[in-house]
Amino acid sequence: MANPSYYQTGPVSQEVQEKEHLLHLYMYQRLEGSPDGNQKVIVNPNLPHLFGCLAVNDWAIYDGILPNANLVARAQGHHIGAGSSGESWTFLTNFVFVDKRFKESSLQVLGTIVQETPQIGEWAIIGGTGEFAFAQGIVSFKKIQELNRANIRELNIRAICRSFPKPTPVKVGPLGGKGGQAVDIPEPPKSLLSVTIRSGAVIDSIAFTYVDQAGKSQSAGPWGGSGGAAETILLAPNETVKKVSGTTGDFNGATVVTSLSIVTNVKTYGPFGNVNGSPFSIPEKDGGSVVGFFGSFGSLVDALGVYVA
């Protein structure tokens, strides 16, 4: 059966890594009606052992039990009385992290709280977001203090998370002569946004804008001289550069880049300059995308290389 347009599937085409996170924390449960209460009963059918009772919780999780302990996360979810023959609560909650280190990350936790002494057990980690994306693991808990309508539980969290490292672009080249000064961008690029080429008899300069690995837009160049006429290629949102082709040859006694064409998945831009000399096309193999440039430059483009992702 053919897949619908909204669905895609395929094998994982990149390396999968796993990282273990170990956290030692303390969770404060303050019952409804207590000072600073952080849970509330929503439904109470008044059955034995609180069977069918539903409460929502926003329990505070700290990095210690002393008064100067720091708030790390909040256990936001609900627990429901699920034991008809003895008090037992099914617990489903999100550990929503609020500290600077893990802010906007969360762990999804599922398990049971049995009203027995001592209260020791485990909850399952069934998912996560942010730094804890694809999490699986265990939260081991132990009730260490029972105060006036309040409980403190010690938590030992062991979460194993999958990660998909971002592929690092590969540098190809540069191709051309040995003149000029080597110039490169300070950080690896992720995608290309635009390319500006100045050209006349040869390629005078190149400039481009790109998105770096952090998702920020950056600009580079112009690298080269100010001669020739400028033309800017603005790539469409789904347009990618598949190849950069051109020629290198002699100009005033030096080998430089004499022409360039930018080949995308939509069309070919150029040629710019004068198609004269030895042809080149990078990358040589299909399958990648050109996401940035580097090379050697003086008053012209002496040599040009590309980043391929």
C-alpha atoms as a PDB file:
ATOM      1  CA  MET A   1       0.000   0.000   0.000  1.00  0.00           C
ATOM      2  CA  ALA A   2       1.314   3.415  -0.945  1.00  0.00           C
ATOM      3  CA  ASN A   3       2.100   5.836   1.861  1.00  0.00           C
ATOM      4  CA  PRO A   4      -0.082   8.962   2.155  1.00  0.00           C
ATOM      5  CA  SER A   5       1.530  12.317   1.364  1.00  0.00           C
ATOM      6  CA  TYR A   6       1.829  13.286   5.039  1.00  0.00           C
ATOM      7  CA  TYR A   7       3.902  10.189   5.973  1.00  0.00           C
ATOM      8  CA  GLN A   8       7.520   9.232   5.316  1.00  0.00           C
ATOM      9  CA  THR A   9       9.537   6.267   6.564  1.00  0.00           C
ATOM     10  CA  GLY A  10      12.965   4.799   6.038  1.00  0.00           C
ATOM     11  CA  PRO A  11      16.013   3.385   7.788  1.00  0.00           C
ATOM     12  CA  VAL A  12      18.007   5.567  10.153  1.00  0.00           C
ATOM     13  CA  SER A  13      20.757   6.889   7.900  1.00  0.00           C
ATOM     14  CA  GLN A  14      23.016   8.381  10.546  1.00  0.00           C
ATOM     15  CA  GLU A  15      24.818   7.244  13.663  1.00  0.00           C
ATOM     16  CA  VAL A  16      22.694   6.825  16.791  1.00  0.00           C
ATOM     17  CA  GLN A  17      24.375   7.521  20.119  1.00  0.00           C
ATOM     18  CA  GLU A  18      23.173   6.922  23.680  1.00  0.00           C
ATOM     19  CA  LYS A  19      23.909   9.089  26.707  1.00  0.00           C
ATOM     20  CA  GLU A  20      23.195   8.281  30.337  1.00  0.00           C
ATOM     21  CA  HIS A  21      21.935  10.972  32.743  1.00  0.00           C
ATOM     22  CA  LEU A  22      22.109  10.466  36.527  1.00  0.00           C
ATOM     23  CA  LEU A  23      20.265  12.926  38.785  1.00  0.00           C
ATOM     24  CA  HIS A  24      19.901  12.940  42.586  1.00  0.00           C
ATOM     25  CA  LEU A  25      16.963  15.122  43.644  1.00  0.00           C
ATOM     26  CA  TYR A  26      14.254  15.590  46.283  1.00  0.00           C
ATOM     27  CA  MET A  27      10.529  15.916  45.572  1.00  0.00           C
ATOM     28  CA  TYR A  28       8.197  17.815  47.911  1.00  0.00           C
ATOM     29  CA  GLN A  29       4.525  16.801  48.005  1.00  0.00           C
ATOM     30  CA  ARG A  30       2.314  19.195  49.976  1.00  0.00           C
ATOM     31  CA  LEU A  31      -1.269  18.006  50.356  1.00  0.00           C
ATOM     32  CA  GLU A  32      -4.296  20.146  49.696  1.00  0.00           C
ATOM     33  CA  GLY A  33      -5.063  22.361  52.667  1.00  0.00           C
ATOM     34  CA  SER A  34      -1.453  22.544  53.845  1.00  0.00           C
ATOM     35  CA  PRO A  35       0.628  25.719  53.642  1.00  0.00           C
ATOM     36  CA  ASP A  36       1.923  26.093  50.085  1.00  0.00           C
ATOM     37  CA  GLY A  37      -0.167  23.095  48.973  1.00  0.00           C
ATOM     38  CA  ASN A  38       0.887  21.844  45.542  1.00  0.00           C
ATOM     39  CA  GLN A  39      -1.825  19.326  44.718  1.00  0.00           C
ATOM     40  CA  LYS A  40      -5.616  19.434  44.494  1.00  0.00           C
ATOM     41  CA  VAL A  41      -8.304  16.746  44.488  1.00  0.00           C
ATOM     42  CA  ILE A  42     -10.493  17.026  41.383  1.00  0.00           C
ATOM     43  CA  VAL A  43     -12.737  13.967  41.827  1.00  0.00           C
ATOM     44  CA  ASN A  44     -13.523  12.074  45.038  1.00  0.00           C
ATOM     45  CA  PRO A  45     -16.261   9.399  44.860  1.00  0.00           C
ATOM     46  CA  ASN A  46     -15.790   8.743  48.606  1.00  0.00           C
ATOM     47  CA  LEU A  47     -15.013   5.048  48.142  1.00  0.00           C
ATOM     48  CA  PRO A  48     -12.848   2.976  50.502  1.00  0.00           C
ATOM     49  CA  HIS A  49      -9.074   3.428  50.123  1.00  0.00           C
ATOM     50  CA  LEU A  50      -9.737   6.579  48.036  1.00  0.00           C
ATOM     51  CA  PHE A  51     -10.459   4.327  45.061  1.00  0.00           C
ATOM     52  CA  GLY A  52     -11.307   6.474  42.009  1.00  0.00           C
ATOM     53  CA  CYS A  53     -10.020   9.671  43.596  1.00  0.00           C
ATOM     54  CA  LEU A  54      -8.250  11.951  41.107  1.00  0.00           C
ATOM     55  CA  ALA A  55      -5.775  14.641  42.101  1.00  0.00           C
ATOM     56  CA  VAL A  56      -3.582  16.951  40.050  1.00  0.00           C
ATOM     57  CA  ASN A  57      -0.075  17.685  41.256  1.00  0.00           C
ATOM     58  CA  ASP A  58       2.557  20.367  40.799  1.00  0.00           C
ATOM     59  CA  TRP A  59       5.134  18.981  43.205  1.00  0.00           C
ATOM     60  CA  ALA A  60       8.409  20.858  43.612  1.00  0.00           C
ATOM     61  CA  ILE A  61      11.721  19.076  42.965  1.00  0.00           C
ATOM     62  CA  TYR A  62      14.865  20.468  44.607  1.00  0.00           C
ATOM     63  CA  ASP A  63      18.558  19.619  44.591  1.00  0.00           C
ATOM     64  CA  GLY A  64      18.610  19.187  48.376  1.00  0.00           C
ATOM     65  CA  ILE A  65      16.572  19.273  51.588  1.00  0.00           C
ATOM     66  CA  LEU A  66      18.161  22.301  53.230  1.00  0.00           C
ATOM     67  CA  PRO A  67      16.379  25.683  53.185  1.00  0.00           C
ATOM     68  CA  ASN A  68      18.818  27.007  50.572  1.00  0.00           C
ATOM     69  CA  ALA A  69      18.126  24.145  48.130  1.00  0.00           C
ATOM     70  CA  ASN A  70      17.546  25.168  44.518  1.00  0.00           C
ATOM     71  CA  LEU A  71      14.352  24.455  42.588  1.00  0.00           C
ATOM     72  CA  VAL A  72      15.290  22.159  39.694  1.00  0.00           C
ATOM     73  CA  ALA A  73      11.988  20.895  38.273  1.00  0.00           C
ATOM     74  CA  ARG A  74       8.278  20.515  38.888  1.00  0.00           C
ATOM     75  CA  ALA A  75       6.356  17.225  38.815  1.00  0.00           C
ATOM     76  CA  GLN A  76       3.260  18.324  36.914  1.00  0.00           C
ATOM     77  CA  GLY A  77       0.594  15.720  36.231  1.00  0.00           C
ATOM     78  CA  HIS A  78      -1.957  13.659  38.123  1.00  0.00           C
ATOM     79  CA  HIS A  79      -2.346  10.616  40.336  1.00  0.00           C
ATOM     80  CA  ILE A  80      -5.450   8.488  40.659  1.00  0.00           C
ATOM     81  CA  GLY A  81      -6.546   6.091  43.366  1.00  0.00           C
ATOM     82  CA  ALA A  82      -6.393   2.698  41.650  1.00  0.00           C
ATOM     83  CA  GLY A  83      -6.451   0.252  44.555  1.00  0.00           C
ATOM     84  CA  SER A  84      -9.856  -1.110  45.612  1.00  0.00           C
ATOM     85  CA  SER A  85      -8.446  -3.285  48.407  1.00  0.00           C
ATOM     86  CA  GLY A  86      -5.717  -0.946  49.642  1.00  0.00           C
ATOM     87  CA  GLU A  87      -4.631   2.618  49.070  1.00  0.00           C
ATOM     88  CA  SER A  88      -2.546   2.737  45.896  1.00  0.00           C
ATOM     89  CA  TRP A  89      -2.045   5.555  43.429  1.00  0.00           C
ATOM     90  CA  THR A  90      -1.218   5.386  39.725  1.00  0.00           C
ATOM     91  CA  PHE A  91       1.124   8.275  39.056  1.00  0.00           C
ATOM     92  CA  LEU A  92       1.542   9.914  35.625  1.00  0.00           C
ATOM     93  CA  THR A  93       3.491  13.134  35.479  1.00  0.00           C
ATOM     94  CA  ASN A  94       5.992  15.315  33.649  1.00  0.00           C
ATOM     95  CA  PHE A  95       9.188  16.335  35.371  1.00  0.00           C
ATOM     96  CA  VAL A  96       9.387  19.816  33.840  1.00  0.00           C
ATOM     97  CA  PHE A  97      12.854  21.256  34.412  1.00  0.00           C
ATOM     98  CA  VAL A  98      13.084  24.941  35.305  1.00  0.00           C
ATOM     99  CA  ASP A  99      16.754  25.352  36.248  1.00  0.00           C
ATOM    100  CA  LYS A 100      19.178  26.949  33.814  1.00  0.00           C
ATOM    101  CA  ARG A 101      21.019  23.714  32.975  1.00  0.00           C
ATOM    102  CA  PHE A 102      18.007  21.705  31.769  1.00  0.00           C
ATOM    103  CA  LYS A 103      15.397  24.423  31.158  1.00  0.00           C
ATOM    104  CA  GLU A 104      12.780  23.483  28.531  1.00  0.00           C
ATOM    105  CA  SER A 105      13.612  19.777  28.945  1.00  0.00           C
ATOM    106  CA  SER A 106      11.286  17.240  30.548  1.00  0.00           C
ATOM    107  CA  LEU A 107      10.925  13.597  31.563  1.00  0.00           C
ATOM    108  CA  GLN A 108       7.648  11.674  31.358  1.00  0.00           C
ATOM    109  CA  VAL A 109       7.225   9.368  34.365  1.00  0.00           C
ATOM    110  CA  LEU A 110       4.697   6.585  35.047  1.00  0.00           C
ATOM    111  CA  GLY A 111       4.337   4.364  38.098  1.00  0.00           C
ATOM    112  CA  THR A 112       2.620   3.531  41.375  1.00  0.00           C
ATOM    113  CA  ILE A 113       2.687   4.982  44.881  1.00  0.00           C
ATOM    114  CA  VAL A 114       1.585   2.465  47.521  1.00  0.00           C
ATOM    115  CA  GLN A 115       0.668   3.777  50.956  1.00  0.00           C
ATOM    116  CA  GLU A 116       2.891   1.378  52.827  1.00  0.00           C
ATOM    117  CA  THR A 117       5.871   1.872  55.109  1.00  0.00           C
ATOM    118  CA  PRO A 118       8.614   2.176  54.063  1.00  0.00           C
ATOM    119  CA  GLN A 119       7.675   3.867  50.804  1.00  0.00           C
ATOM    120  CA  ILE A 120      10.332   2.645  48.396  1.00  0.00           C
ATOM    121  CA  GLY A 121       9.846   1.904  44.722  1.00  0.00           C
ATOM    122  CA  GLU A 122      10.520   2.686  41.104  1.00  0.00           C
ATOM    123  CA  TRP A 123       8.760   4.626  38.388  1.00  0.00           C
ATOM    124  CA  ALA A 124       9.338   4.129  34.676  1.00  0.00           C
ATOM    125  CA  ILE A 125      10.698   6.895  32.475  1.00  0.00           C
ATOM    126  CA  ILE A 126       8.667   6.533  29.291  1.00  0.00           C
ATOM    127  CA  GLY A 127       9.853   9.541  27.308  1.00  0.00           C
ATOM    128  CA  GLY A 128      11.404  12.961  27.355  1.00  0.00           C
ATOM    129  CA  THR A 129      11.969  16.211  25.519  1.00  0.00           C
ATOM    130  CA  GLY A 130      14.834  18.636  25.011  1.00  0.00           C
ATOM    131  CA  GLU A 131      18.084  17.236  26.362  1.00  0.00           C
ATOM    132  CA  PHE A 132      16.132  14.167  27.491  1.00  0.00           C
ATOM    133  CA  ALA A 133      14.580  13.406  24.091  1.00  0.00           C
ATOM    134  CA  PHE A 134      13.918   9.690  23.446  1.00  0.00           C
ATOM    135  CA  ALA A 135      14.499   8.979  27.163  1.00  0.00           C
ATOM    136  CA  GLN A 136      13.979   5.615  28.814  1.00  0.00           C
ATOM    137  CA  GLY A 137      14.937   4.642  32.328  1.00  0.00           C
ATOM    138  CA  ILE A 138      14.004   4.425  35.984  1.00  0.00           C
ATOM    139  CA  VAL A 139      13.266   6.820  38.834  1.00  0.00           C
ATOM    140  CA  SER A 140      14.056   5.118  42.142  1.00  0.00           C
ATOM    141  CA  PHE A 141      12.270   6.836  45.031  1.00  0.00           C
ATOM    142  CA  LYS A 142      12.202   6.646  48.807  1.00  0.00           C
ATOM    143  CA  LYS A 143      10.043   8.644  51.207  1.00  0.00           C
ATOM    144  CA  ILE A 144      12.525  10.096  53.675  1.00  0.00           C
ATOM    145  CA  GLN A 145      10.325  12.520  55.619  1.00  0.00           C
ATOM    146  CA  GLU A 146       6.643  12.753  56.466  1.00  0.00           C
ATOM    147  CA  LEU A 147       5.701  16.152  57.811  1.00  0.00           C
ATOM    148  CA  ASN A 148       2.360  17.758  58.604  1.00  0.00           C
ATOM    149  CA  ARG A 149       0.389  16.998  55.429  1.00  0.00           C
ATOM    150  CA  ALA A 150       3.614  16.882  53.407  1.00  0.00           C
ATOM    151  CA  ASN A 151       6.016  14.224  52.116  1.00  0.00           C
ATOM    152  CA  ILE A 152       9.606  14.426  50.928  1.00  0.00           C
ATOM    153  CA  ARG A 153      10.848  11.730  48.541  1.00  0.00           C
ATOM    154  CA  GLU A 154      14.436  11.181  47.566  1.00  0.00           C
ATOM    155  CA  LEU A 155      14.778  10.557  43.819  1.00  0.00           C
ATOM    156  CA  ASN A 156      17.582   8.810  41.966  1.00  0.00           C
ATOM    157  CA  ILE A 157      16.971   9.256  38.257  1.00  0.00           C
ATOM    158  CA  ARG A 158      18.723   7.135  35.659  1.00  0.00           C
ATOM    159  CA  ALA A 159      17.735   8.098  32.120  1.00  0.00           C
ATOM    160  CA  ILE A 160      19.265   6.796  28.900  1.00  0.00           C
ATOM    161  CA  CYS A 161      18.642   9.041  25.902  1.00  0.00           C
ATOM    162  CA  ARG A 162      19.248   8.507  22.215  1.00  0.00           C
ATOM    163  CA  SER A 163      20.793  11.271  20.173  1.00  0.00           C
ATOM    164  CA  PHE A 164      21.368  11.766  16.467  1.00  0.00           C
ATOM    165  CA  PRO A 165      24.598  13.760  16.032  1.00  0.00           C
ATOM    166  CA  LYS A 166      24.492  16.399  13.357  1.00  0.00           C
ATOM    167  CA  PRO A 167      26.674  15.402  10.401  1.00  0.00           C
ATOM    168  CA  THR A 168      29.751  17.579   9.988  1.00  0.00           C
ATOM    169  CA  PRO A 169      30.144  19.110   6.519  1.00  0.00           C
ATOM    170  CA  VAL A 170      33.139  17.919   4.495  1.00  0.00           C
ATOM    171  CA  LYS A 171      35.506  20.369   2.822  1.00  0.00           C
ATOM    172  CA  VAL A 172      36.216  19.695  -0.860  1.00  0.00           C
ATOM    173  CA  GLY A 173      38.988  21.627  -2.617  1.00  0.00           C
ATOM    174  CA  PRO A 174      40.042  24.312  -3.104  1.00  0.00           C
ATOM    175  CA  LEU A 175      40.518  24.199  -6.876  1.00  0.00           C
ATOM    176  CA  GLY A 176      42.434  26.832  -8.821  1.00  0.00           C
ATOM    177  CA  GLY A 177      45.768  28.577  -8.442  1.00  0.00           C
ATOM    178  CA  LYS A 178      48.196  29.070  -5.573  1.00  0.00           C
ATOM    179  CA  GLY A 179      47.914  32.837  -5.250  1.00  0.00           C
ATOM    180  CA  GLY A 180      45.911  34.927  -2.820  1.00  0.00           C
ATOM    181  CA  GLN A 181      45.312  34.446   0.893  1.00  0.00           C
ATOM    182  CA  ALA A 182      43.410  31.535   2.406  1.00  0.00           C
ATOM    183  CA  VAL A 183      39.994  32.572   3.759  1.00  0.00           C
ATOM    184  CA  ASP A 184      37.400  30.442   5.552  1.00  0.00           C
ATOM    185  CA  ILE A 185      34.286  30.811   7.683  1.00  0.00           C
ATOM    186  CA  PRO A 186      34.620  30.511  11.485  1.00  0.00           C
ATOM    187  CA  GLU A 187      32.001  27.812  12.026  1.00  0.00           C
ATOM    188  CA  PRO A 188      30.695  24.825  10.022  1.00  0.00           C
ATOM    189  CA  PRO A 189      27.667  25.709   7.867  1.00  0.00           C
ATOM    190  CA  LYS A 190      24.349  23.881   7.893  1.00  0.00           C
ATOM    191  CA  SER A 191      22.606  25.283   4.814  1.00  0.00           C
ATOM    192  CA  LEU A 192      23.122  27.900   2.141  1.00  0.00           C
ATOM    193  CA  LEU A 193      20.776  30.887   1.766  1.00  0.00           C
ATOM    194  CA  SER A 194      22.262  33.022  -1.023  1.00  0.00           C
ATOM    195  CA  VAL A 195      25.340  33.443  -3.218  1.00  0.00           C
ATOM    196  CA  THR A 196      26.612  36.706  -4.742  1.00  0.00           C
ATOM    197  CA  ILE A 197      29.159  36.462  -7.564  1.00  0.00           C
ATOM    198  CA  ARG A 198      31.026  39.383  -9.157  1.00  0.00           C
ATOM    199  CA  SER A 199      32.410  38.518 -12.576  1.00  0.00           C
ATOM    200  CA  GLY A 200      33.691  39.921 -15.848  1.00  0.00           C
ATOM    201  CA  ALA A 201      36.475  38.256 -17.782  1.00  0.00           C
ATOM    202  CA  VAL A 202      36.991  36.005 -14.721  1.00  0.00           C
ATOM    203  CA  ILE A 203      35.423  35.543 -11.288  1.00  0.00           C
ATOM    204  CA  ASP A 204      36.245  38.652  -9.258  1.00  0.00           C
ATOM    205  CA  SER A 205      34.676  37.780  -5.897  1.00  0.00           C
ATOM    206  CA  ILE A 206      32.167  35.637  -4.072  1.00  0.00           C
ATOM    207  CA  ALA A 207      29.969  36.308  -1.037  1.00  0.00           C
ATOM    208  CA  PHE A 208      27.271  34.191   0.562  1.00  0.00           C
ATOM    209  CA  THR A 209      24.847  33.891   3.439  1.00  0.00           C
ATOM    210  CA  TYR A 210      24.278  30.654   5.308  1.00  0.00           C
ATOM    211  CA  VAL A 211      22.767  29.070   8.403  1.00  0.00           C
ATOM    212  CA  ASP A 212      25.277  27.762  10.932  1.00  0.00           C
ATOM    213  CA  GLN A 213      24.932  24.607  13.051  1.00  0.00           C
ATOM    214  CA  ALA A 214      23.239  26.628  15.802  1.00  0.00           C
ATOM    215  CA  GLY A 215      20.509  27.737  13.382  1.00  0.00           C
ATOM    216  CA  LYS A 216      21.690  31.361  13.105  1.00  0.00           C
ATOM    217  CA  SER A 217      22.009  33.241   9.817  1.00  0.00           C
ATOM    218  CA  GLN A 218      25.569  34.327   8.975  1.00  0.00           C
ATOM    219  CA  SER A 219      27.220  36.180   6.106  1.00  0.00           C
ATOM    220  CA  ALA A 220      30.661  35.775   4.540  1.00  0.00           C
ATOM    221  CA  GLY A 221      32.559  37.884   2.020  1.00  0.00           C
ATOM    222  CA  PRO A 222      32.811  39.390  -0.404  1.00  0.00           C
ATOM    223  CA  TRP A 223      36.086  37.563  -0.867  1.00  0.00           C
ATOM    224  CA  GLY A 224      38.161  38.852  -3.794  1.00  0.00           C
ATOM    225  CA  GLY A 225      38.095  42.156  -5.653  1.00  0.00           C
ATOM    226  CA  SER A 226      35.452  44.735  -6.519  1.00  0.00           C
ATOM    227  CA  GLY A 227      35.609  44.448 -10.305  1.00  0.00           C
ATOM    228  CA  GLY A 228      32.998  42.997 -12.615  1.00  0.00           C
ATOM    229  CA  ALA A 229      29.230  42.965 -12.271  1.00  0.00           C
ATOM    230  CA  ALA A 230      27.476  41.460  -9.260  1.00  0.00           C
ATOM    231  CA  GLU A 231      24.620  38.977  -9.396  1.00  0.00           C
ATOM    232  CA  THR A 232      22.898  37.485  -6.350  1.00  0.00           C
ATOM    233  CA  ILE A 233      21.265  34.061  -6.258  1.00  0.00           C
ATOM    234  CA  LEU A 234      18.548  33.827  -3.595  1.00  0.00           C
ATOM    235  CA  LEU A 235      17.755  30.192  -2.914  1.00  0.00           C
ATOM    236  CA  ALA A 236      14.128  29.203  -2.383  1.00  0.00           C
ATOM    237  CA  PRO A 237      13.206  27.507   0.946  1.00  0.00           C
ATOM    238  CA  ASN A 238      13.419  24.001  -0.540  1.00  0.00           C
ATOM    239  CA  GLU A 239      16.193  24.760  -3.039  1.00  0.00           C
ATOM    240  CA  THR A 240      19.662  23.325  -2.417  1.00  0.00           C
ATOM    241  CA  VAL A 241      22.937  23.628  -4.297  1.00  0.00           C
ATOM    242  CA  LYS A 242      23.935  20.209  -5.631  1.00  0.00           C
ATOM    243  CA  LYS A 243      27.101  21.161  -7.518  1.00  0.00           C
ATOM    244  CA  VAL A 244      29.427  24.053  -8.216  1.00  0.00           C
ATOM    245  CA  SER A 245      31.062  23.791 -11.631  1.00  0.00           C
ATOM    246  CA  GLY A 246      33.351  26.064 -13.575  1.00  0.00           C
ATOM    247  CA  THR A 247      36.782  26.490 -15.100  1.00  0.00           C
ATOM    248  CA  THR A 248      40.219  27.539 -13.944  1.00  0.00           C
ATOM    249  CA  GLY A 249      42.805  29.101 -16.213  1.00  0.00           C
ATOM    250  CA  ASP A 250      45.503  31.700 -16.755  1.00  0.00           C
ATOM    251  CA  PHE A 251      44.737  35.403 -16.313  1.00  0.00           C
ATOM    252  CA  ASN A 252      47.588  37.922 -16.396  1.00  0.00           C
ATOM    253  CA  GLY A 253      50.098  35.199 -15.614  1.00  0.00           C
ATOM    254  CA  ALA A 254      48.238  33.641 -12.667  1.00  0.00           C
ATOM    255  CA  THR A 255      45.888  30.683 -12.423  1.00  0.00           C
ATOM    256  CA  VAL A 256      42.460  31.812 -11.174  1.00  0.00           C
ATOM    257  CA  VAL A 257      38.832  30.734 -11.316  1.00  0.00           C
ATOM    258  CA  THR A 258      37.631  31.933 -14.712  1.00  0.00           C
ATOM    259  CA  SER A 259      33.988  30.823 -14.590  1.00  0.00           C
ATOM    260  CA  LEU A 260      31.361  29.474 -12.173  1.00  0.00           C
ATOM    261  CA  SER A 261      27.953  27.843 -12.436  1.00  0.00           C
ATOM    262  CA  ILE A 262      25.716  27.097  -9.450  1.00  0.00           C
ATOM    263  CA  VAL A 263      23.637  23.950  -9.993  1.00  0.00           C
ATOM    264  CA  THR A 264      20.647  23.471  -7.681  1.00  0.00           C
ATOM    265  CA  ASN A 265      17.848  20.930  -7.508  1.00  0.00           C
ATOM    266  CA  VAL A 266      15.717  23.506  -9.337  1.00  0.00           C
ATOM    267  CA  LYS A 267      17.901  25.096 -12.028  1.00  0.00           C
ATOM    268  CA  THR A 268      21.423  26.079 -13.084  1.00  0.00           C
ATOM    269  CA  TYR A 269      22.607  29.655 -12.476  1.00  0.00           C
ATOM    270  CA  GLY A 270      25.327  30.927 -14.787  1.00  0.00           C
ATOM    271  CA  PRO A 271      27.835  30.481 -16.156  1.00  0.00           C
ATOM    272  CA  PHE A 272      29.381  33.599 -14.659  1.00  0.00           C
ATOM    273  CA  GLY A 273      32.711  34.875 -15.991  1.00  0.00           C
ATOM    274  CA  ASN A 274      34.395  33.446 -19.072  1.00  0.00           C
ATOM    275  CA  VAL A 275      34.265  29.674 -19.677  1.00  0.00           C
ATOM    276  CA  ASN A 276      37.937  29.229 -20.487  1.00  0.00           C
ATOM    277  CA  GLY A 277      40.450  26.730 -19.105  1.00  0.00           C
ATOM    278  CA  SER A 278      40.289  23.452 -17.211  1.00  0.00           C
ATOM    279  CA  PRO A 279      36.766  22.403 -16.183  1.00  0.00           C
ATOM    280  CA  PHE A 280      35.843  21.234 -12.685  1.00  0.00           C
ATOM    281  CA  SER A 281      32.690  20.123 -10.888  1.00  0.00           C
ATOM    282  CA  ILE A 282      32.444  19.716  -7.101  1.00  0.00           C
ATOM    283  CA  PRO A 283      31.460  17.580  -5.380  1.00  0.00           C
ATOM    284  CA  GLU A 284      32.288  14.822  -7.858  1.00  0.00           C
ATOM    285  CA  LYS A 285      29.729  12.383  -6.393  1.00  0.00           C
ATOM    286  CA  ASP A 286      25.987  12.973  -6.220  1.00  0.00           C
ATOM    287  CA  GLY A 287      24.005  12.861  -3.003  1.00  0.00           C
ATOM    288  CA  GLY A 288      25.308  15.836  -1.025  1.00  0.00           C
ATOM    289  CA  SER A 289      24.524  19.533  -0.934  1.00  0.00           C
ATOM    290  CA  VAL A 290      26.899  22.487  -1.060  1.00  0.00           C
ATOM    291  CA  VAL A 291      26.359  24.531   2.110  1.00  0.00           C
ATOM    292  CA  GLY A 292      29.291  26.969   2.097  1.00  0.00           C
ATOM    293  CA  PHE A 293      32.549  28.126   0.511  1.00  0.00           C
ATOM    294  CA  PHE A 294      36.211  28.738   1.326  1.00  0.00           C
ATOM    295  CA  GLY A 295      39.337  29.310  -0.738  1.00  0.00           C
ATOM    296  CA  SER A 296      42.175  31.692  -1.601  1.00  0.00           C
ATOM    297  CA  PHE A 297      41.528  35.253  -2.674  1.00  0.00           C
ATOM    298  CA  GLY A 298      43.379  38.388  -3.698  1.00  0.00           C
ATOM    299  CA  SER A 299      41.990  40.862  -6.210  1.00  0.00           C
ATOM    300  CA  LEU A 300      40.291  37.853  -7.840  1.00  0.00           C
ATOM    301  CA  VAL A 301      39.114  34.382  -6.813  1.00  0.00           C
ATOM    302  CA  ASP A 302      42.384  32.452  -7.004  1.00  0.00           C
ATOM    303  CA  ALA A 303      41.002  29.119  -5.743  1.00  0.00           C
ATOM    304  CA  LEU A 304      37.599  27.992  -4.509  1.00  0.00           C
ATOM    305  CA  GLY A 305      36.446  25.105  -2.328  1.00  0.00           C
ATOM    306  CA  VAL A 306      33.075  24.084  -0.957  1.00  0.00           C
ATOM    307  CA  TYR A 307      31.534  22.576   2.162  1.00  0.00           C
ATOM    308  CA  VAL A 308      29.418  19.514   1.362  1.00  0.00           C
ATOM    309  CA  ALA A 309      26.764  18.105   3.722  1.00  0.00           C
END
